[in-house]
Every structure is written in C-alpha cells, then in structure tokens.
Amino acid sequence: MAQANEPLLKRTIKKNQLRQIIPLADSTIWEMEQRGQFPRRFLLSPRCVVWDLGEVEAWLALRRAKPIARAAPPDVRKRISRPVKSSDRSEGRSFLEP
C-alpha cells in the first residue's frame, strides 16, 4: 500500500517529452544516467522506454537549488590538430600583408 505522502499514480514521460523538459543531448542524458547523475529510464514494454516525471522534476529542482559552476575555457595552446602560433599573434601582422 502507498504511503500517505506518496502519490498513488506516478506519471511517466517518453523521450520526446523529456527532450522538451531537459534541453540536453540524448548521449549526455545517457552518460549522466550511467554515472548516476540523472534519473534512470525504465521499460514499460520491450519497445517503450520512460522516465518517472517526479524524479525528473526533483532532479531539476536540485539543479536549480545548487547550480553547477561554468567550465573553464579551453587552453588553445594545447591543441594537437591545429595549434595556435604564438608568433603570428605577438607580431600583430595582418593576413593580407605579403
């Protein structure tokens, strides 16, 4: 039997409804689920995956109450594929000069 403070009927949402609530990529949500940082999905049938709306709303409330710090900008000097040349920037040359 359900407890007094727990609702009798929990609402579930499908992936397209989750996307409207949580503006994250599917891969980001999946990775967060694997790390235990996002409510887990569950199967209603072999082809129907849903999330508990109450858990998703609680996750959003927790994120709002304790915001995450913004990530530091990348250090472009550590690029491997296209490193930034320090001599071009320090001399102040134009790309149009011969």
N, C-alpha and C. Protein backbone atom coordinates (compact mmCIF):
# COMPACT_ATOMS: atom_id res chain seq x y z
N MET A 1 0.84 -1.18 0.00
CA MET A 1 0.00 0.00 0.00
C MET A 1 0.88 1.24 0.00
N ALA A 2 0.45 2.30 -0.65
CA ALA A 2 1.22 3.53 -0.78
C ALA A 2 1.22 4.32 0.53
N GLN A 3 2.31 5.04 0.76
CA GLN A 3 2.41 5.88 1.95
C GLN A 3 1.53 7.11 1.77
N ALA A 4 1.26 7.82 2.88
CA ALA A 4 0.36 8.97 2.84
C ALA A 4 0.92 10.12 2.01
N ASN A 5 2.23 10.35 2.07
CA ASN A 5 2.80 11.49 1.33
C ASN A 5 3.18 11.15 -0.10
N GLU A 6 3.08 9.90 -0.49
CA GLU A 6 3.44 9.48 -1.84
C GLU A 6 2.19 9.43 -2.71
N PRO A 7 2.22 10.02 -3.92
CA PRO A 7 1.02 9.98 -4.77
C PRO A 7 0.71 8.55 -5.22
N LEU A 8 -0.56 8.27 -5.39
CA LEU A 8 -0.98 6.93 -5.80
C LEU A 8 -0.57 6.63 -7.24
N LEU A 9 -0.69 7.60 -8.11
CA LEU A 9 -0.39 7.40 -9.52
C LEU A 9 0.81 8.26 -9.90
N LYS A 10 1.89 7.62 -10.30
CA LYS A 10 3.06 8.36 -10.76
C LYS A 10 2.96 8.51 -12.26
N ARG A 11 3.37 9.67 -12.74
CA ARG A 11 3.30 9.94 -14.17
C ARG A 11 4.65 9.64 -14.81
N THR A 12 4.61 9.04 -15.97
CA THR A 12 5.83 8.75 -16.72
C THR A 12 5.83 9.57 -18.00
N ILE A 13 7.03 9.81 -18.52
CA ILE A 13 7.17 10.55 -19.78
C ILE A 13 8.09 9.79 -20.72
N LYS A 14 7.82 9.94 -22.02
CA LYS A 14 8.65 9.33 -23.04
C LYS A 14 9.78 10.27 -23.42
N LYS A 15 10.66 9.80 -24.30
CA LYS A 15 11.86 10.54 -24.67
C LYS A 15 11.55 11.91 -25.28
N ASN A 16 10.55 12.00 -26.17
CA ASN A 16 10.26 13.29 -26.79
C ASN A 16 9.73 14.30 -25.77
N GLN A 17 9.01 13.84 -24.76
CA GLN A 17 8.56 14.73 -23.69
C GLN A 17 9.72 15.14 -22.79
N LEU A 18 10.65 14.20 -22.56
CA LEU A 18 11.84 14.52 -21.76
C LEU A 18 12.68 15.58 -22.45
N ARG A 19 12.80 15.48 -23.78
CA ARG A 19 13.57 16.47 -24.54
C ARG A 19 12.99 17.87 -24.41
N GLN A 20 11.68 17.99 -24.27
CA GLN A 20 11.05 19.30 -24.10
C GLN A 20 11.35 19.88 -22.72
N ILE A 21 11.54 19.02 -21.73
CA ILE A 21 11.80 19.47 -20.37
C ILE A 21 13.30 19.70 -20.14
N ILE A 22 14.11 18.76 -20.61
CA ILE A 22 15.57 18.79 -20.39
C ILE A 22 16.25 19.04 -21.73
N PRO A 23 16.86 20.22 -21.92
CA PRO A 23 17.50 20.52 -23.22
C PRO A 23 18.92 19.98 -23.32
N LEU A 24 19.08 18.69 -23.14
CA LEU A 24 20.38 18.04 -23.27
C LEU A 24 20.31 17.00 -24.37
N ALA A 25 21.46 16.69 -24.95
CA ALA A 25 21.52 15.67 -25.99
C ALA A 25 21.24 14.30 -25.40
N ASP A 26 20.75 13.40 -26.23
CA ASP A 26 20.46 12.04 -25.78
C ASP A 26 21.71 11.37 -25.20
N SER A 27 22.85 11.58 -25.86
CA SER A 27 24.09 10.96 -25.38
C SER A 27 24.49 11.51 -24.02
N THR A 28 24.26 12.81 -23.77
CA THR A 28 24.59 13.41 -22.48
C THR A 28 23.70 12.83 -21.39
N ILE A 29 22.42 12.70 -21.67
CA ILE A 29 21.48 12.13 -20.70
C ILE A 29 21.87 10.68 -20.40
N TRP A 30 22.21 9.91 -21.44
CA TRP A 30 22.59 8.51 -21.24
C TRP A 30 23.84 8.41 -20.38
N GLU A 31 24.86 9.23 -20.66
CA GLU A 31 26.09 9.21 -19.88
C GLU A 31 25.82 9.59 -18.42
N MET A 32 24.98 10.60 -18.21
CA MET A 32 24.65 11.01 -16.85
C MET A 32 23.89 9.90 -16.12
N GLU A 33 23.03 9.18 -16.82
CA GLU A 33 22.33 8.04 -16.21
C GLU A 33 23.33 6.97 -15.78
N GLN A 34 24.31 6.68 -16.63
CA GLN A 34 25.29 5.66 -16.32
C GLN A 34 26.13 6.03 -15.10
N ARG A 35 26.39 7.33 -14.92
CA ARG A 35 27.17 7.81 -13.77
C ARG A 35 26.31 8.01 -12.53
N GLY A 36 24.99 7.84 -12.64
CA GLY A 36 24.09 8.02 -11.51
C GLY A 36 23.76 9.48 -11.24
N GLN A 37 23.92 10.35 -12.24
CA GLN A 37 23.67 11.78 -12.07
C GLN A 37 22.34 12.22 -12.66
N PHE A 38 21.56 11.30 -13.17
CA PHE A 38 20.27 11.61 -13.79
C PHE A 38 19.33 10.45 -13.50
N PRO A 39 18.04 10.71 -13.35
CA PRO A 39 17.08 9.60 -13.10
C PRO A 39 17.17 8.53 -14.18
N ARG A 40 17.10 7.28 -13.77
CA ARG A 40 17.23 6.16 -14.70
C ARG A 40 15.92 5.94 -15.46
N ARG A 41 16.06 5.59 -16.70
CA ARG A 41 14.91 5.19 -17.52
C ARG A 41 14.53 3.76 -17.19
N PHE A 42 13.33 3.39 -17.53
CA PHE A 42 12.92 2.00 -17.35
C PHE A 42 11.96 1.62 -18.47
N LEU A 43 11.81 0.33 -18.67
CA LEU A 43 10.98 -0.19 -19.76
C LEU A 43 9.57 -0.48 -19.27
N LEU A 44 8.60 0.02 -20.02
CA LEU A 44 7.21 -0.37 -19.78
C LEU A 44 6.88 -1.61 -20.60
N SER A 45 7.49 -1.71 -21.75
CA SER A 45 7.37 -2.88 -22.63
C SER A 45 8.73 -3.02 -23.33
N PRO A 46 8.92 -4.06 -24.11
CA PRO A 46 10.22 -4.22 -24.77
C PRO A 46 10.62 -3.04 -25.67
N ARG A 47 9.65 -2.24 -26.11
CA ARG A 47 9.96 -1.13 -27.01
C ARG A 47 9.58 0.24 -26.46
N CYS A 48 9.14 0.33 -25.23
CA CYS A 48 8.68 1.59 -24.66
C CYS A 48 9.54 1.96 -23.45
N VAL A 49 10.36 2.99 -23.61
CA VAL A 49 11.24 3.46 -22.55
C VAL A 49 10.67 4.75 -21.98
N VAL A 50 10.60 4.86 -20.64
CA VAL A 50 10.03 6.04 -20.00
C VAL A 50 10.88 6.45 -18.79
N TRP A 51 10.65 7.68 -18.34
CA TRP A 51 11.25 8.21 -17.12
C TRP A 51 10.12 8.59 -16.18
N ASP A 52 10.37 8.54 -14.88
CA ASP A 52 9.41 8.98 -13.87
C ASP A 52 9.45 10.50 -13.84
N LEU A 53 8.32 11.15 -14.12
CA LEU A 53 8.27 12.61 -14.17
C LEU A 53 8.62 13.23 -12.82
N GLY A 54 8.20 12.61 -11.72
CA GLY A 54 8.53 13.13 -10.39
C GLY A 54 10.02 13.15 -10.14
N GLU A 55 10.73 12.10 -10.58
CA GLU A 55 12.18 12.04 -10.42
C GLU A 55 12.87 13.09 -11.27
N VAL A 56 12.39 13.30 -12.50
CA VAL A 56 12.99 14.30 -13.38
C VAL A 56 12.76 15.70 -12.80
N GLU A 57 11.57 15.97 -12.30
CA GLU A 57 11.30 17.28 -11.70
C GLU A 57 12.12 17.50 -10.44
N ALA A 58 12.32 16.45 -9.65
CA ALA A 58 13.16 16.56 -8.45
C ALA A 58 14.61 16.84 -8.84
N TRP A 59 15.08 16.19 -9.92
CA TRP A 59 16.44 16.43 -10.42
C TRP A 59 16.59 17.89 -10.86
N LEU A 60 15.59 18.42 -11.56
CA LEU A 60 15.63 19.83 -11.98
C LEU A 60 15.63 20.76 -10.78
N ALA A 61 14.83 20.47 -9.77
CA ALA A 61 14.79 21.31 -8.57
C ALA A 61 16.14 21.29 -7.86
N LEU A 62 16.79 20.14 -7.82
CA LEU A 62 18.11 20.03 -7.20
C LEU A 62 19.13 20.84 -7.98
N ARG A 63 19.08 20.78 -9.30
CA ARG A 63 19.99 21.56 -10.14
C ARG A 63 19.77 23.06 -9.96
N ARG A 64 18.53 23.46 -9.81
CA ARG A 64 18.23 24.88 -9.62
C ARG A 64 18.71 25.35 -8.25
N ALA A 65 18.57 24.51 -7.24
CA ALA A 65 18.97 24.88 -5.88
C ALA A 65 20.49 24.96 -5.73
N LYS A 66 21.21 24.10 -6.44
CA LYS A 66 22.67 24.06 -6.35
C LYS A 66 23.25 24.12 -7.75
N PRO A 67 23.41 25.34 -8.31
CA PRO A 67 23.89 25.44 -9.69
C PRO A 67 25.32 24.93 -9.85
N ILE A 68 25.63 24.50 -11.04
CA ILE A 68 26.95 23.99 -11.38
C ILE A 68 27.79 25.14 -11.93
N ALA A 69 29.05 25.19 -11.52
CA ALA A 69 29.96 26.24 -12.00
C ALA A 69 30.24 26.05 -13.49
N ARG A 70 30.40 27.15 -14.16
CA ARG A 70 30.69 27.12 -15.59
C ARG A 70 32.08 26.55 -15.83
N ALA A 71 32.25 25.79 -16.88
CA ALA A 71 33.53 25.18 -17.21
C ALA A 71 34.52 26.26 -17.66
N ALA A 72 35.79 26.01 -17.37
CA ALA A 72 36.84 26.94 -17.79
C ALA A 72 37.00 26.87 -19.31
N PRO A 73 37.36 27.99 -19.94
CA PRO A 73 37.56 27.93 -21.39
C PRO A 73 38.75 27.05 -21.73
N PRO A 74 38.74 26.43 -22.91
CA PRO A 74 39.84 25.53 -23.28
C PRO A 74 41.14 26.30 -23.50
N ASP A 75 42.25 25.65 -23.20
CA ASP A 75 43.57 26.23 -23.44
C ASP A 75 43.95 25.91 -24.88
N VAL A 76 43.85 26.90 -25.77
CA VAL A 76 44.09 26.66 -27.20
C VAL A 76 45.55 26.36 -27.49
N ARG A 77 46.45 26.64 -26.56
CA ARG A 77 47.86 26.34 -26.77
C ARG A 77 48.13 24.85 -26.69
N LYS A 78 47.19 24.08 -26.17
CA LYS A 78 47.37 22.63 -26.04
C LYS A 78 46.74 21.87 -27.20
N ARG A 79 46.31 22.56 -28.21
CA ARG A 79 45.71 21.89 -29.37
C ARG A 79 46.73 20.99 -30.05
N ILE A 80 46.28 19.86 -30.51
CA ILE A 80 47.16 18.93 -31.21
C ILE A 80 46.97 19.06 -32.71
N SER A 81 45.72 19.13 -33.16
CA SER A 81 45.46 19.12 -34.59
C SER A 81 45.77 20.45 -35.26
N ARG A 82 45.55 21.57 -34.58
CA ARG A 82 45.80 22.88 -35.19
C ARG A 82 46.27 23.85 -34.10
N PRO A 83 47.52 23.73 -33.67
CA PRO A 83 47.98 24.59 -32.59
C PRO A 83 48.02 26.06 -33.00
N VAL A 84 47.86 26.92 -32.04
CA VAL A 84 47.91 28.36 -32.27
C VAL A 84 49.37 28.79 -32.29
N LYS A 85 49.73 29.54 -33.33
CA LYS A 85 51.11 30.02 -33.44
C LYS A 85 51.24 31.31 -32.65
N SER A 86 52.11 31.29 -31.67
CA SER A 86 52.28 32.47 -30.82
C SER A 86 52.94 33.61 -31.57
N SER A 87 53.79 33.35 -32.56
CA SER A 87 54.49 34.41 -33.29
C SER A 87 53.53 35.25 -34.14
N ASP A 88 52.50 34.63 -34.71
CA ASP A 88 51.54 35.37 -35.53
C ASP A 88 50.76 36.37 -34.70
N ARG A 89 50.41 36.02 -33.51
CA ARG A 89 49.61 36.90 -32.67
C ARG A 89 50.46 38.00 -32.02
N SER A 90 51.70 37.69 -31.65
CA SER A 90 52.51 38.67 -30.94
C SER A 90 53.01 39.78 -31.87
N GLU A 91 53.22 39.48 -33.14
CA GLU A 91 53.73 40.49 -34.07
C GLU A 91 52.61 41.40 -34.59
N GLY A 92 51.38 40.97 -34.49
CA GLY A 92 50.27 41.80 -34.92
C GLY A 92 50.18 41.93 -36.42
N ARG A 93 50.66 40.94 -37.14
CA ARG A 93 50.64 41.00 -38.61
C ARG A 93 49.23 40.77 -39.12
N SER A 94 48.96 41.34 -40.26
CA SER A 94 47.71 41.10 -40.93
C SER A 94 47.87 39.94 -41.88
N PHE A 95 46.81 39.19 -42.12
CA PHE A 95 46.87 38.08 -43.04
C PHE A 95 46.97 38.53 -44.48
N LEU A 96 46.66 39.80 -44.75
CA LEU A 96 46.70 40.31 -46.10
C LEU A 96 48.08 40.83 -46.50
N GLU A 97 48.95 41.02 -45.52
CA GLU A 97 50.29 41.51 -45.83
C GLU A 97 51.10 40.43 -46.51
N PRO A 98 51.98 40.81 -47.51
CA PRO A 98 52.80 39.79 -48.19
C PRO A 98 53.94 39.30 -47.35
